[in-house]
Structure formats: C-alpha cells, structure tokens
Amino acid sequence: MTTVAQRYKDRNRVERAFHRLEQFRAVATRYDKLKDRYEATVTVASIMIWLRAKPDRSQP
C-alpha cells in the first residue's frame, strides 16, 4: 500500500473515532467545564464504545 493510501486510511480511522465520541451529548457539548471531569467523561464514553465493539472484528 502506498504511503498516501496508508495516511488516508489512518486519518479516516481517527476521524471515525472522533465521530463516535461526539455521539455522546456530554462529550459533544462539553457540559463539564472542569478539565478533570471532561477527561473522565471522554474516558467513560471511550469505554462504552469499546464495550459495544464487536469482538469478531479483526484489527490490523
């Protein structure tokens, strides 16, 4: 795979990850004004996304 194609694939993966995080209203609107609480909200949202992931997906 060419480097351009690989960069596009990596960028697409990152953009999809941010989009999944923004599906959580508290993350998208940043209800929590304190840095620590916002980081905790992002962490909880990430864990929920990870738990919902299908285990049969293969990661390259």
N, C-alpha and C. Protein backbone atom coordinates (compact mmCIF):
# COMPACT_ATOMS: atom_id res chain seq x y z
N MET A 1 0.85 -1.18 0.00
CA MET A 1 0.00 0.00 0.00
C MET A 1 0.89 1.24 0.00
N THR A 2 0.53 2.21 -0.78
CA THR A 2 1.34 3.42 -0.85
C THR A 2 1.20 4.23 0.43
N THR A 3 2.14 5.11 0.63
CA THR A 3 2.10 5.93 1.85
C THR A 3 0.90 6.86 1.86
N VAL A 4 0.50 7.35 0.69
CA VAL A 4 -0.67 8.23 0.63
C VAL A 4 -1.92 7.47 1.02
N ALA A 5 -2.06 6.27 0.51
CA ALA A 5 -3.22 5.45 0.85
C ALA A 5 -3.23 5.09 2.33
N GLN A 6 -2.07 4.80 2.88
CA GLN A 6 -1.98 4.46 4.30
C GLN A 6 -2.32 5.67 5.17
N ARG A 7 -1.84 6.84 4.78
CA ARG A 7 -2.15 8.06 5.53
C ARG A 7 -3.64 8.34 5.50
N TYR A 8 -4.26 8.16 4.34
CA TYR A 8 -5.70 8.37 4.22
C TYR A 8 -6.45 7.38 5.11
N LYS A 9 -6.03 6.14 5.10
CA LYS A 9 -6.68 5.11 5.92
C LYS A 9 -6.56 5.44 7.41
N ASP A 10 -5.37 5.88 7.84
CA ASP A 10 -5.17 6.25 9.24
C ASP A 10 -6.00 7.47 9.62
N ARG A 11 -6.02 8.46 8.73
CA ARG A 11 -6.80 9.68 9.01
C ARG A 11 -8.29 9.35 9.12
N ASN A 12 -8.77 8.49 8.24
CA ASN A 12 -10.16 8.09 8.26
C ASN A 12 -10.49 7.39 9.57
N ARG A 13 -9.62 6.56 10.05
CA ARG A 13 -9.83 5.84 11.30
C ARG A 13 -9.94 6.82 12.48
N VAL A 14 -9.07 7.83 12.51
CA VAL A 14 -9.10 8.83 13.58
C VAL A 14 -10.39 9.65 13.51
N GLU A 15 -10.77 10.06 12.31
CA GLU A 15 -12.00 10.84 12.16
C GLU A 15 -13.23 10.05 12.59
N ARG A 16 -13.27 8.77 12.27
CA ARG A 16 -14.40 7.94 12.70
C ARG A 16 -14.43 7.79 14.21
N ALA A 17 -13.25 7.70 14.85
CA ALA A 17 -13.20 7.59 16.30
C ALA A 17 -13.74 8.86 16.97
N PHE A 18 -13.35 10.02 16.45
CA PHE A 18 -13.88 11.27 17.00
C PHE A 18 -15.39 11.38 16.78
N HIS A 19 -15.85 10.93 15.64
CA HIS A 19 -17.29 10.97 15.37
C HIS A 19 -18.05 10.09 16.35
N ARG A 20 -17.51 8.92 16.65
CA ARG A 20 -18.17 8.04 17.63
C ARG A 20 -18.20 8.69 19.01
N LEU A 21 -17.13 9.37 19.39
CA LEU A 21 -17.11 10.07 20.68
C LEU A 21 -18.13 11.20 20.71
N GLU A 22 -18.28 11.90 19.62
CA GLU A 22 -19.21 13.02 19.58
C GLU A 22 -20.67 12.58 19.58
N GLN A 23 -20.94 11.30 19.47
CA GLN A 23 -22.30 10.80 19.58
C GLN A 23 -22.81 10.91 21.01
N PHE A 24 -21.91 11.06 21.95
CA PHE A 24 -22.28 11.25 23.34
C PHE A 24 -22.48 12.74 23.58
N ARG A 25 -23.67 13.12 23.98
CA ARG A 25 -24.02 14.53 24.13
C ARG A 25 -23.09 15.27 25.08
N ALA A 26 -22.74 14.64 26.19
CA ALA A 26 -21.87 15.30 27.17
C ALA A 26 -20.48 15.59 26.59
N VAL A 27 -20.03 14.75 25.69
CA VAL A 27 -18.72 14.99 25.07
C VAL A 27 -18.85 16.08 24.00
N ALA A 28 -19.89 16.02 23.20
CA ALA A 28 -20.05 16.96 22.09
C ALA A 28 -20.30 18.38 22.58
N THR A 29 -21.07 18.54 23.66
CA THR A 29 -21.42 19.88 24.13
C THR A 29 -20.56 20.34 25.28
N ARG A 30 -19.76 19.44 25.82
CA ARG A 30 -18.88 19.73 26.94
C ARG A 30 -19.64 20.38 28.10
N TYR A 31 -20.54 19.58 28.68
CA TYR A 31 -21.29 20.04 29.85
C TYR A 31 -20.35 20.32 31.01
N ASP A 32 -19.36 19.46 31.17
CA ASP A 32 -18.42 19.60 32.29
C ASP A 32 -17.39 20.67 31.94
N LYS A 33 -17.29 21.67 32.77
CA LYS A 33 -16.37 22.76 32.49
C LYS A 33 -14.98 22.50 33.07
N LEU A 34 -14.90 21.63 34.07
CA LEU A 34 -13.60 21.31 34.65
C LEU A 34 -12.88 20.28 33.79
N LYS A 35 -11.58 20.47 33.62
CA LYS A 35 -10.77 19.60 32.76
C LYS A 35 -10.85 18.14 33.21
N ASP A 36 -10.70 17.91 34.50
CA ASP A 36 -10.69 16.53 35.01
C ASP A 36 -12.02 15.82 34.76
N ARG A 37 -13.10 16.52 34.96
CA ARG A 37 -14.42 15.91 34.74
C ARG A 37 -14.66 15.64 33.26
N TYR A 38 -14.23 16.57 32.40
CA TYR A 38 -14.39 16.35 30.97
C TYR A 38 -13.56 15.16 30.50
N GLU A 39 -12.34 15.05 31.00
CA GLU A 39 -11.50 13.90 30.65
C GLU A 39 -12.14 12.60 31.12
N ALA A 40 -12.76 12.64 32.29
CA ALA A 40 -13.45 11.45 32.80
C ALA A 40 -14.64 11.10 31.91
N THR A 41 -15.36 12.11 31.44
CA THR A 41 -16.50 11.87 30.55
C THR A 41 -16.04 11.24 29.24
N VAL A 42 -14.95 11.75 28.69
CA VAL A 42 -14.41 11.19 27.45
C VAL A 42 -13.94 9.75 27.69
N THR A 43 -13.34 9.50 28.83
CA THR A 43 -12.87 8.15 29.16
C THR A 43 -14.04 7.18 29.27
N VAL A 44 -15.10 7.59 29.96
CA VAL A 44 -16.28 6.73 30.10
C VAL A 44 -16.92 6.47 28.74
N ALA A 45 -17.01 7.51 27.91
CA ALA A 45 -17.57 7.33 26.57
C ALA A 45 -16.71 6.37 25.75
N SER A 46 -15.39 6.49 25.88
CA SER A 46 -14.48 5.59 25.15
C SER A 46 -14.66 4.15 25.61
N ILE A 47 -14.81 3.96 26.90
CA ILE A 47 -15.02 2.60 27.43
C ILE A 47 -16.33 2.04 26.91
N MET A 48 -17.38 2.87 26.88
CA MET A 48 -18.66 2.39 26.37
C MET A 48 -18.56 2.00 24.90
N ILE A 49 -17.84 2.79 24.11
CA ILE A 49 -17.63 2.45 22.70
C ILE A 49 -16.86 1.15 22.59
N TRP A 50 -15.84 1.00 23.40
CA TRP A 50 -15.02 -0.21 23.37
C TRP A 50 -15.84 -1.44 23.75
N LEU A 51 -16.72 -1.30 24.75
CA LEU A 51 -17.54 -2.43 25.17
C LEU A 51 -18.59 -2.81 24.13
N ARG A 52 -19.05 -1.83 23.36
CA ARG A 52 -20.03 -2.11 22.31
C ARG A 52 -19.42 -2.70 21.06
N ALA A 53 -18.11 -2.60 20.92
CA ALA A 53 -17.44 -3.08 19.72
C ALA A 53 -17.64 -4.58 19.58
N LYS A 54 -17.77 -4.99 18.36
CA LYS A 54 -17.97 -6.42 18.10
C LYS A 54 -16.63 -7.14 18.27
N PRO A 55 -16.61 -8.20 19.05
CA PRO A 55 -15.33 -8.90 19.28
C PRO A 55 -14.79 -9.64 18.07
N ASP A 56 -15.62 -9.86 17.05
CA ASP A 56 -15.16 -10.61 15.90
C ASP A 56 -14.47 -9.72 14.86
N ARG A 57 -14.42 -8.41 15.10
CA ARG A 57 -13.70 -7.53 14.16
C ARG A 57 -12.21 -7.73 14.33
N SER A 58 -11.54 -7.91 13.24
CA SER A 58 -10.10 -8.08 13.32
C SER A 58 -9.43 -6.72 13.18
N GLN A 59 -8.46 -6.46 14.02
CA GLN A 59 -7.70 -5.22 13.98
C GLN A 59 -6.38 -5.50 13.27
N PRO A 60 -6.03 -4.67 12.27
CA PRO A 60 -4.76 -4.90 11.55
C PRO A 60 -3.56 -4.57 12.40
